[in-house]
PDB file of all heavy atoms in Angstrom:
ATOM      1  N   HIS A   1       7.548  -9.029  -0.859  1.00  0.00           N
ATOM      2  CA  HIS A   1       7.349  -9.687  -2.149  1.00  0.00           C
ATOM      3  C   HIS A   1       8.549  -9.568  -3.087  1.00  0.00           C
ATOM      4  O   HIS A   1       8.800 -10.464  -3.902  1.00  0.00           O
ATOM      5  CB  HIS A   1       6.115  -9.106  -2.853  1.00  0.00           C
ATOM      6  CG  HIS A   1       4.818  -9.601  -2.300  1.00  0.00           C
ATOM      7  ND1 HIS A   1       4.346  -9.239  -1.057  1.00  0.00           N
ATOM      8  CD2 HIS A   1       3.889 -10.448  -2.808  1.00  0.00           C
ATOM      9  CE1 HIS A   1       3.190  -9.823  -0.832  1.00  0.00           C
ATOM     10  NE2 HIS A   1       2.888 -10.568  -1.876  1.00  0.00           N
ATOM     11  N   TYR A   2       9.274  -8.457  -2.982  1.00  0.00           N
ATOM     12  CA  TYR A   2      10.319  -8.194  -3.967  1.00  0.00           C
ATOM     13  C   TYR A   2      11.698  -7.902  -3.383  1.00  0.00           C
ATOM     14  O   TYR A   2      12.630  -7.635  -4.128  1.00  0.00           O
ATOM     15  CB  TYR A   2       9.885  -7.018  -4.858  1.00  0.00           C
ATOM     16  CG  TYR A   2       8.638  -7.321  -5.657  1.00  0.00           C
ATOM     17  CD1 TYR A   2       7.407  -6.745  -5.315  1.00  0.00           C
ATOM     18  CD2 TYR A   2       8.689  -8.195  -6.737  1.00  0.00           C
ATOM     19  CE1 TYR A   2       6.265  -7.035  -6.042  1.00  0.00           C
ATOM     20  CE2 TYR A   2       7.555  -8.485  -7.472  1.00  0.00           C
ATOM     21  CZ  TYR A   2       6.344  -7.904  -7.117  1.00  0.00           C
ATOM     22  OH  TYR A   2       5.219  -8.198  -7.837  1.00  0.00           O
ATOM     23  N   GLY A   3      11.822  -7.938  -2.080  1.00  0.00           N
ATOM     24  CA  GLY A   3      13.129  -7.713  -1.472  1.00  0.00           C
ATOM     25  C   GLY A   3      13.341  -6.278  -1.017  1.00  0.00           C
ATOM     26  O   GLY A   3      12.601  -5.368  -1.400  1.00  0.00           O
ATOM     27  N   GLN A   4      14.375  -6.099  -0.206  1.00  0.00           N
ATOM     28  CA  GLN A   4      14.631  -4.807   0.422  1.00  0.00           C
ATOM     29  C   GLN A   4      14.836  -3.679  -0.594  1.00  0.00           C
ATOM     30  O   GLN A   4      14.366  -2.565  -0.403  1.00  0.00           O
ATOM     31  CB  GLN A   4      15.866  -4.917   1.330  1.00  0.00           C
ATOM     32  CG  GLN A   4      16.141  -3.694   2.169  1.00  0.00           C
ATOM     33  CD  GLN A   4      15.052  -3.429   3.196  1.00  0.00           C
ATOM     34  OE1 GLN A   4      14.514  -4.355   3.789  1.00  0.00           O
ATOM     35  NE2 GLN A   4      14.727  -2.161   3.384  1.00  0.00           N
ATOM     36  N   LYS A   5      15.540  -3.971  -1.684  1.00  0.00           N
ATOM     37  CA  LYS A   5      15.849  -2.924  -2.651  1.00  0.00           C
ATOM     38  C   LYS A   5      14.617  -2.419  -3.399  1.00  0.00           C
ATOM     39  O   LYS A   5      14.657  -1.349  -4.020  1.00  0.00           O
ATOM     40  CB  LYS A   5      16.897  -3.425  -3.651  1.00  0.00           C
ATOM     41  CG  LYS A   5      18.285  -3.588  -3.042  1.00  0.00           C
ATOM     42  CD  LYS A   5      19.307  -3.940  -4.101  1.00  0.00           C
ATOM     43  CE  LYS A   5      20.702  -4.038  -3.502  1.00  0.00           C
ATOM     44  NZ  LYS A   5      21.727  -4.385  -4.522  1.00  0.00           N
ATOM     45  N   ALA A   6      13.531  -3.180  -3.339  1.00  0.00           N
ATOM     46  CA  ALA A   6      12.323  -2.785  -4.069  1.00  0.00           C
ATOM     47  C   ALA A   6      11.727  -1.488  -3.547  1.00  0.00           C
ATOM     48  O   ALA A   6      11.004  -0.791  -4.273  1.00  0.00           O
ATOM     49  CB  ALA A   6      11.275  -3.893  -3.991  1.00  0.00           C
ATOM     50  N   ILE A   7      12.031  -1.163  -2.297  1.00  0.00           N
ATOM     51  CA  ILE A   7      11.437   0.057  -1.736  1.00  0.00           C
ATOM     52  C   ILE A   7      11.972   1.304  -2.430  1.00  0.00           C
ATOM     53  O   ILE A   7      11.386   2.386  -2.295  1.00  0.00           O
ATOM     54  CB  ILE A   7      11.662   0.162  -0.217  1.00  0.00           C
ATOM     55  CG1 ILE A   7      13.149   0.271   0.134  1.00  0.00           C
ATOM     56  CG2 ILE A   7      11.040  -1.022   0.491  1.00  0.00           C
ATOM     57  CD1 ILE A   7      13.403   0.517   1.609  1.00  0.00           C
ATOM     58  N   MET A   8      13.056   1.163  -3.185  1.00  0.00           N
ATOM     59  CA  MET A   8      13.578   2.299  -3.943  1.00  0.00           C
ATOM     60  C   MET A   8      12.585   2.744  -5.013  1.00  0.00           C
ATOM     61  O   MET A   8      12.619   3.886  -5.474  1.00  0.00           O
ATOM     62  CB  MET A   8      14.916   1.932  -4.594  1.00  0.00           C
ATOM     63  CG  MET A   8      16.019   1.577  -3.598  1.00  0.00           C
ATOM     64  SD  MET A   8      16.436   2.962  -2.512  1.00  0.00           S
ATOM     65  CE  MET A   8      17.183   4.086  -3.692  1.00  0.00           C
ATOM     66  N   ALA A   9      11.701   1.837  -5.418  1.00  0.00           N
ATOM     67  CA  ALA A   9      10.713   2.156  -6.453  1.00  0.00           C
ATOM     68  C   ALA A   9       9.441   2.759  -5.867  1.00  0.00           C
ATOM     69  O   ALA A   9       8.585   3.247  -6.611  1.00  0.00           O
ATOM     70  CB  ALA A   9      10.355   0.899  -7.244  1.00  0.00           C
ATOM     71  N   LEU A  10       9.311   2.721  -4.547  1.00  0.00           N
ATOM     72  CA  LEU A  10       8.073   3.143  -3.896  1.00  0.00           C
ATOM     73  C   LEU A  10       7.763   4.614  -4.134  1.00  0.00           C
ATOM     74  O   LEU A  10       8.635   5.471  -4.014  1.00  0.00           O
ATOM     75  CB  LEU A  10       8.170   2.877  -2.392  1.00  0.00           C
ATOM     76  CG  LEU A  10       6.957   3.244  -1.529  1.00  0.00           C
ATOM     77  CD1 LEU A  10       5.722   2.497  -2.001  1.00  0.00           C
ATOM     78  CD2 LEU A  10       7.247   2.921  -0.071  1.00  0.00           C
ATOM     79  N   SER A  11       6.511   4.908  -4.479  1.00  0.00           N
ATOM     80  CA  SER A  11       6.080   6.291  -4.661  1.00  0.00           C
ATOM     81  C   SER A  11       4.702   6.485  -4.042  1.00  0.00           C
ATOM     82  O   SER A  11       3.931   5.540  -3.881  1.00  0.00           O
ATOM     83  CB  SER A  11       6.028   6.659  -6.151  1.00  0.00           C
ATOM     84  OG  SER A  11       4.906   6.057  -6.776  1.00  0.00           O
ATOM     85  N   TYR A  12       4.399   7.731  -3.702  1.00  0.00           N
ATOM     86  CA  TYR A  12       3.102   8.044  -3.108  1.00  0.00           C
ATOM     87  C   TYR A  12       1.959   7.888  -4.110  1.00  0.00           C
ATOM     88  O   TYR A  12       0.797   7.805  -3.714  1.00  0.00           O
ATOM     89  CB  TYR A  12       3.115   9.470  -2.547  1.00  0.00           C
ATOM     90  CG  TYR A  12       3.727   9.559  -1.170  1.00  0.00           C
ATOM     91  CD1 TYR A  12       5.021  10.017  -0.986  1.00  0.00           C
ATOM     92  CD2 TYR A  12       3.002   9.168  -0.041  1.00  0.00           C
ATOM     93  CE1 TYR A  12       5.584  10.102   0.286  1.00  0.00           C
ATOM     94  CE2 TYR A  12       3.552   9.254   1.230  1.00  0.00           C
ATOM     95  CZ  TYR A  12       4.837   9.717   1.392  1.00  0.00           C
ATOM     96  OH  TYR A  12       5.385   9.787   2.647  1.00  0.00           O
ATOM     97  N   ASP A  13       2.271   7.873  -5.405  1.00  0.00           N
ATOM     98  CA  ASP A  13       1.233   7.709  -6.424  1.00  0.00           C
ATOM     99  C   ASP A  13       0.457   6.409  -6.207  1.00  0.00           C
ATOM    100  O   ASP A  13      -0.774   6.375  -6.303  1.00  0.00           O
ATOM    101  CB  ASP A  13       1.861   7.701  -7.819  1.00  0.00           C
ATOM    102  CG  ASP A  13       2.763   8.892  -8.052  1.00  0.00           C
ATOM    103  OD1 ASP A  13       3.839   8.944  -7.435  1.00  0.00           O
ATOM    104  OD2 ASP A  13       2.389   9.754  -8.852  1.00  0.00           O
ATOM    105  N   MET A  14       1.195   5.331  -5.923  1.00  0.00           N
ATOM    106  CA  MET A  14       0.549   4.044  -5.719  1.00  0.00           C
ATOM    107  C   MET A  14      -0.129   3.942  -4.351  1.00  0.00           C
ATOM    108  O   MET A  14      -1.047   3.151  -4.165  1.00  0.00           O
ATOM    109  CB  MET A  14       1.559   2.911  -5.888  1.00  0.00           C
ATOM    110  CG  MET A  14       2.074   2.733  -7.305  1.00  0.00           C
ATOM    111  SD  MET A  14       0.759   2.360  -8.519  1.00  0.00           S
ATOM    112  CE  MET A  14       0.606   3.958  -9.359  1.00  0.00           C
ATOM    113  N   VAL A  15       0.298   4.760  -3.400  1.00  0.00           N
ATOM    114  CA  VAL A  15      -0.408   4.837  -2.114  1.00  0.00           C
ATOM    115  C   VAL A  15      -1.801   5.414  -2.343  1.00  0.00           C
ATOM    116  O   VAL A  15      -2.789   4.934  -1.789  1.00  0.00           O
ATOM    117  CB  VAL A  15       0.369   5.699  -1.099  1.00  0.00           C
ATOM    118  CG1 VAL A  15      -0.402   5.807   0.214  1.00  0.00           C
ATOM    119  CG2 VAL A  15       1.752   5.112  -0.830  1.00  0.00           C
ATOM    120  N   PHE A  16      -1.876   6.434  -3.174  1.00  0.00           N
ATOM    121  CA  PHE A  16      -3.176   7.024  -3.527  1.00  0.00           C
ATOM    122  C   PHE A  16      -4.066   5.983  -4.179  1.00  0.00           C
ATOM    123  O   PHE A  16      -5.244   5.840  -3.830  1.00  0.00           O
ATOM    124  CB  PHE A  16      -2.965   8.208  -4.475  1.00  0.00           C
ATOM    125  CG  PHE A  16      -4.243   8.848  -4.951  1.00  0.00           C
ATOM    126  CD1 PHE A  16      -4.956   9.710  -4.140  1.00  0.00           C
ATOM    127  CD2 PHE A  16      -4.730   8.570  -6.223  1.00  0.00           C
ATOM    128  CE1 PHE A  16      -6.143  10.299  -4.582  1.00  0.00           C
ATOM    129  CE2 PHE A  16      -5.910   9.153  -6.677  1.00  0.00           C
ATOM    130  CZ  PHE A  16      -6.623  10.017  -5.852  1.00  0.00           C
ATOM    131  N   LEU A  17      -3.516   5.225  -5.129  1.00  0.00           N
ATOM    132  CA  LEU A  17      -4.296   4.186  -5.806  1.00  0.00           C
ATOM    133  C   LEU A  17      -4.797   3.151  -4.807  1.00  0.00           C
ATOM    134  O   LEU A  17      -5.979   2.783  -4.828  1.00  0.00           O
ATOM    135  CB  LEU A  17      -3.437   3.501  -6.874  1.00  0.00           C
ATOM    136  CG  LEU A  17      -4.043   2.267  -7.544  1.00  0.00           C
ATOM    137  CD1 LEU A  17      -5.348   2.606  -8.246  1.00  0.00           C
ATOM    138  CD2 LEU A  17      -3.042   1.653  -8.523  1.00  0.00           C
ATOM    139  N   GLU A  18      -3.925   2.683  -3.938  1.00  0.00           N
ATOM    140  CA  GLU A  18      -4.306   1.675  -2.941  1.00  0.00           C
ATOM    141  C   GLU A  18      -5.418   2.193  -2.039  1.00  0.00           C
ATOM    142  O   GLU A  18      -6.388   1.491  -1.739  1.00  0.00           O
ATOM    143  CB  GLU A  18      -3.078   1.279  -2.118  1.00  0.00           C
ATOM    144  CG  GLU A  18      -3.339   0.256  -1.028  1.00  0.00           C
ATOM    145  CD  GLU A  18      -3.656   0.899   0.309  1.00  0.00           C
ATOM    146  OE1 GLU A  18      -3.107   1.964   0.622  1.00  0.00           O
ATOM    147  OE2 GLU A  18      -4.480   0.323   1.047  1.00  0.00           O
ATOM    148  N   MET A  19      -5.325   3.446  -1.601  1.00  0.00           N
ATOM    149  CA  MET A  19      -6.319   4.005  -0.695  1.00  0.00           C
ATOM    150  C   MET A  19      -7.664   4.207  -1.388  1.00  0.00           C
ATOM    151  O   MET A  19      -8.720   3.992  -0.797  1.00  0.00           O
ATOM    152  CB  MET A  19      -5.814   5.323  -0.114  1.00  0.00           C
ATOM    153  CG  MET A  19      -4.639   5.165   0.850  1.00  0.00           C
ATOM    154  SD  MET A  19      -4.109   6.717   1.626  1.00  0.00           S
ATOM    155  CE  MET A  19      -5.485   6.992   2.778  1.00  0.00           C
ATOM    156  N   VAL A  20      -7.627   4.605  -2.655  1.00  0.00           N
ATOM    157  CA  VAL A  20      -8.874   4.772  -3.414  1.00  0.00           C
ATOM    158  C   VAL A  20      -9.590   3.435  -3.572  1.00  0.00           C
ATOM    159  O   VAL A  20     -10.791   3.312  -3.303  1.00  0.00           O
ATOM    160  CB  VAL A  20      -8.592   5.392  -4.803  1.00  0.00           C
ATOM    161  CG1 VAL A  20      -9.820   5.251  -5.711  1.00  0.00           C
ATOM    162  CG2 VAL A  20      -8.224   6.857  -4.669  1.00  0.00           C
ATOM    163  N   LEU A  21      -8.871   2.416  -4.007  1.00  0.00           N
ATOM    164  CA  LEU A  21      -9.480   1.102  -4.231  1.00  0.00           C
ATOM    165  C   LEU A  21      -9.988   0.491  -2.921  1.00  0.00           C
ATOM    166  O   LEU A  21     -11.067  -0.109  -2.888  1.00  0.00           O
ATOM    167  CB  LEU A  21      -8.477   0.167  -4.894  1.00  0.00           C
ATOM    168  CG  LEU A  21      -8.045   0.537  -6.320  1.00  0.00           C
ATOM    169  CD1 LEU A  21      -6.962  -0.415  -6.814  1.00  0.00           C
ATOM    170  CD2 LEU A  21      -9.232   0.530  -7.279  1.00  0.00           C
ATOM    171  N   ALA A  22      -9.209   0.643  -1.848  1.00  0.00           N
ATOM    172  CA  ALA A  22      -9.608   0.087  -0.560  1.00  0.00           C
ATOM    173  C   ALA A  22     -10.849   0.793  -0.025  1.00  0.00           C
ATOM    174  O   ALA A  22     -11.764   0.159   0.510  1.00  0.00           O
ATOM    175  CB  ALA A  22      -8.463   0.210   0.439  1.00  0.00           C
ATOM    176  N   ASP A  23     -10.887   2.111  -0.178  1.00  0.00           N
ATOM    177  CA  ASP A  23     -12.036   2.894   0.279  1.00  0.00           C
ATOM    178  C   ASP A  23     -13.271   2.553  -0.549  1.00  0.00           C
ATOM    179  O   ASP A  23     -14.380   2.400  -0.016  1.00  0.00           O
ATOM    180  CB  ASP A  23     -11.712   4.384   0.162  1.00  0.00           C
ATOM    181  CG  ASP A  23     -12.661   5.268   0.968  1.00  0.00           C
ATOM    182  OD1 ASP A  23     -13.826   4.868   1.150  1.00  0.00           O
ATOM    183  OD2 ASP A  23     -12.249   6.348   1.414  1.00  0.00           O
ATOM    184  N   LEU A  24     -13.085   2.407  -1.838  1.00  0.00           N
ATOM    185  CA  LEU A  24     -14.198   2.143  -2.753  1.00  0.00           C
ATOM    186  C   LEU A  24     -14.905   0.831  -2.430  1.00  0.00           C
ATOM    187  O   LEU A  24     -16.124   0.711  -2.563  1.00  0.00           O
ATOM    188  CB  LEU A  24     -13.677   2.118  -4.192  1.00  0.00           C
ATOM    189  CG  LEU A  24     -14.697   1.956  -5.315  1.00  0.00           C
ATOM    190  CD1 LEU A  24     -15.696   3.101  -5.319  1.00  0.00           C
ATOM    191  CD2 LEU A  24     -13.977   1.873  -6.658  1.00  0.00           C
ATOM    192  N   THR A  25     -14.145  -0.160  -1.995  1.00  0.00           N
ATOM    193  CA  THR A  25     -14.707  -1.487  -1.734  1.00  0.00           C
ATOM    194  C   THR A  25     -14.847  -1.803  -0.249  1.00  0.00           C
ATOM    195  O   THR A  25     -15.159  -2.940   0.113  1.00  0.00           O
ATOM    196  CB  THR A  25     -13.813  -2.570  -2.381  1.00  0.00           C
ATOM    197  OG1 THR A  25     -12.490  -2.456  -1.851  1.00  0.00           O
ATOM    198  CG2 THR A  25     -13.774  -2.404  -3.889  1.00  0.00           C
ATOM    199  N   ASP A  26     -14.614  -0.787   0.595  1.00  0.00           N
ATOM    200  CA  ASP A  26     -14.684  -0.984   2.053  1.00  0.00           C
ATOM    201  C   ASP A  26     -13.811  -2.163   2.487  1.00  0.00           C
ATOM    202  O   ASP A  26     -14.226  -3.019   3.279  1.00  0.00           O
ATOM    203  CB  ASP A  26     -16.126  -1.208   2.510  1.00  0.00           C
ATOM    204  CG  ASP A  26     -16.993   0.025   2.299  1.00  0.00           C
ATOM    205  OD1 ASP A  26     -16.485   1.135   2.519  1.00  0.00           O
ATOM    206  OD2 ASP A  26     -18.167  -0.125   1.897  1.00  0.00           O
ATOM    207  N   SER A  27     -12.604  -2.188   1.957  1.00  0.00           N
ATOM    208  CA  SER A  27     -11.681  -3.286   2.255  1.00  0.00           C
ATOM    209  C   SER A  27     -11.279  -3.296   3.728  1.00  0.00           C
ATOM    210  O   SER A  27     -11.089  -2.248   4.350  1.00  0.00           O
ATOM    211  CB  SER A  27     -10.414  -3.130   1.398  1.00  0.00           C
ATOM    212  OG  SER A  27      -9.426  -4.063   1.758  1.00  0.00           O
ATOM    213  N   ASP A  28     -11.181  -4.506   4.290  1.00  0.00           N
ATOM    214  CA  ASP A  28     -10.692  -4.635   5.672  1.00  0.00           C
ATOM    215  C   ASP A  28      -9.240  -4.188   5.740  1.00  0.00           C
ATOM    216  O   ASP A  28      -8.479  -4.325   4.778  1.00  0.00           O
ATOM    217  CB  ASP A  28     -10.798  -6.086   6.142  1.00  0.00           C
ATOM    218  CG  ASP A  28     -12.237  -6.539   6.331  1.00  0.00           C
ATOM    219  OD1 ASP A  28     -13.102  -5.667   6.560  1.00  0.00           O
ATOM    220  OD2 ASP A  28     -12.487  -7.752   6.225  1.00  0.00           O
ATOM    221  N   GLU A  29      -8.866  -3.665   6.905  1.00  0.00           N
ATOM    222  CA  GLU A  29      -7.506  -3.208   7.107  1.00  0.00           C
ATOM    223  C   GLU A  29      -6.777  -4.082   8.126  1.00  0.00           C
ATOM    224  O   GLU A  29      -7.315  -4.376   9.189  1.00  0.00           O
ATOM    225  CB  GLU A  29      -7.487  -1.754   7.592  1.00  0.00           C
ATOM    226  CG  GLU A  29      -8.056  -0.767   6.588  1.00  0.00           C
ATOM    227  CD  GLU A  29      -8.003   0.665   7.092  1.00  0.00           C
ATOM    228  OE1 GLU A  29      -7.814   0.867   8.314  1.00  0.00           O
ATOM    229  OE2 GLU A  29      -8.172   1.586   6.270  1.00  0.00           O
ATOM    230  N   THR A  30      -5.577  -4.486   7.778  1.00  0.00           N
ATOM    231  CA  THR A  30      -4.715  -5.202   8.713  1.00  0.00           C
ATOM    232  C   THR A  30      -3.711  -4.198   9.268  1.00  0.00           C
ATOM    233  O   THR A  30      -2.917  -3.631   8.509  1.00  0.00           O
ATOM    234  CB  THR A  30      -3.961  -6.343   8.017  1.00  0.00           C
ATOM    235  OG1 THR A  30      -4.911  -7.281   7.490  1.00  0.00           O
ATOM    236  CG2 THR A  30      -3.038  -7.055   8.996  1.00  0.00           C
ATOM    237  N   LYS A  31      -3.760  -3.987  10.570  1.00  0.00           N
ATOM    238  CA  LYS A  31      -2.898  -2.984  11.190  1.00  0.00           C
ATOM    239  C   LYS A  31      -1.841  -3.660  12.058  1.00  0.00           C
ATOM    240  O   LYS A  31      -2.076  -4.728  12.624  1.00  0.00           O
ATOM    241  CB  LYS A  31      -3.717  -2.013  12.031  1.00  0.00           C
ATOM    242  CG  LYS A  31      -4.764  -1.245  11.240  1.00  0.00           C
ATOM    243  CD  LYS A  31      -5.550  -0.288  12.133  1.00  0.00           C
ATOM    244  CE  LYS A  31      -6.602   0.466  11.333  1.00  0.00           C
ATOM    245  NZ  LYS A  31      -7.374   1.409  12.199  1.00  0.00           N
ATOM    246  N   GLY A  32      -0.692  -3.030  12.152  1.00  0.00           N
ATOM    247  CA  GLY A  32       0.368  -3.568  12.993  1.00  0.00           C
ATOM    248  C   GLY A  32       1.461  -2.547  13.199  1.00  0.00           C
ATOM    249  O   GLY A  32       1.386  -1.415  12.713  1.00  0.00           O
ATOM    250  N   LYS A  33       2.494  -2.953  13.933  1.00  0.00           N
ATOM    251  CA  LYS A  33       3.650  -2.101  14.169  1.00  0.00           C
ATOM    252  C   LYS A  33       4.911  -2.904  13.907  1.00  0.00           C
ATOM    253  O   LYS A  33       4.945  -4.109  14.142  1.00  0.00           O
ATOM    254  CB  LYS A  33       3.660  -1.578  15.605  1.00  0.00           C
ATOM    255  CG  LYS A  33       2.553  -0.598  15.937  1.00  0.00           C
ATOM    256  CD  LYS A  33       2.726  -0.074  17.364  1.00  0.00           C
ATOM    257  CE  LYS A  33       1.651   0.944  17.706  1.00  0.00           C
ATOM    258  NZ  LYS A  33       1.834   1.493  19.085  1.00  0.00           N
ATOM    259  N   GLU A  34       5.936  -2.226  13.428  1.00  0.00           N
ATOM    260  CA  GLU A  34       7.202  -2.902  13.172  1.00  0.00           C
ATOM    261  C   GLU A  34       8.343  -1.905  13.101  1.00  0.00           C
ATOM    262  O   GLU A  34       8.134  -0.698  12.983  1.00  0.00           O
ATOM    263  CB  GLU A  34       7.142  -3.683  11.863  1.00  0.00           C
ATOM    264  CG  GLU A  34       7.096  -2.800  10.629  1.00  0.00           C
ATOM    265  CD  GLU A  34       7.370  -3.564   9.347  1.00  0.00           C
ATOM    266  OE1 GLU A  34       7.482  -4.791   9.383  1.00  0.00           O
ATOM    267  OE2 GLU A  34       7.477  -2.900   8.292  1.00  0.00           O
TER     268      GLU A  34
END
């Protein structure tokens, strides 16, 4: 969405948020390898 350099902003704080929201709503998971 934002380009390669955007990963410099990545933090585990937002991983926690994503996992909480996904778990709360039983969100489907798209899995893959790359």
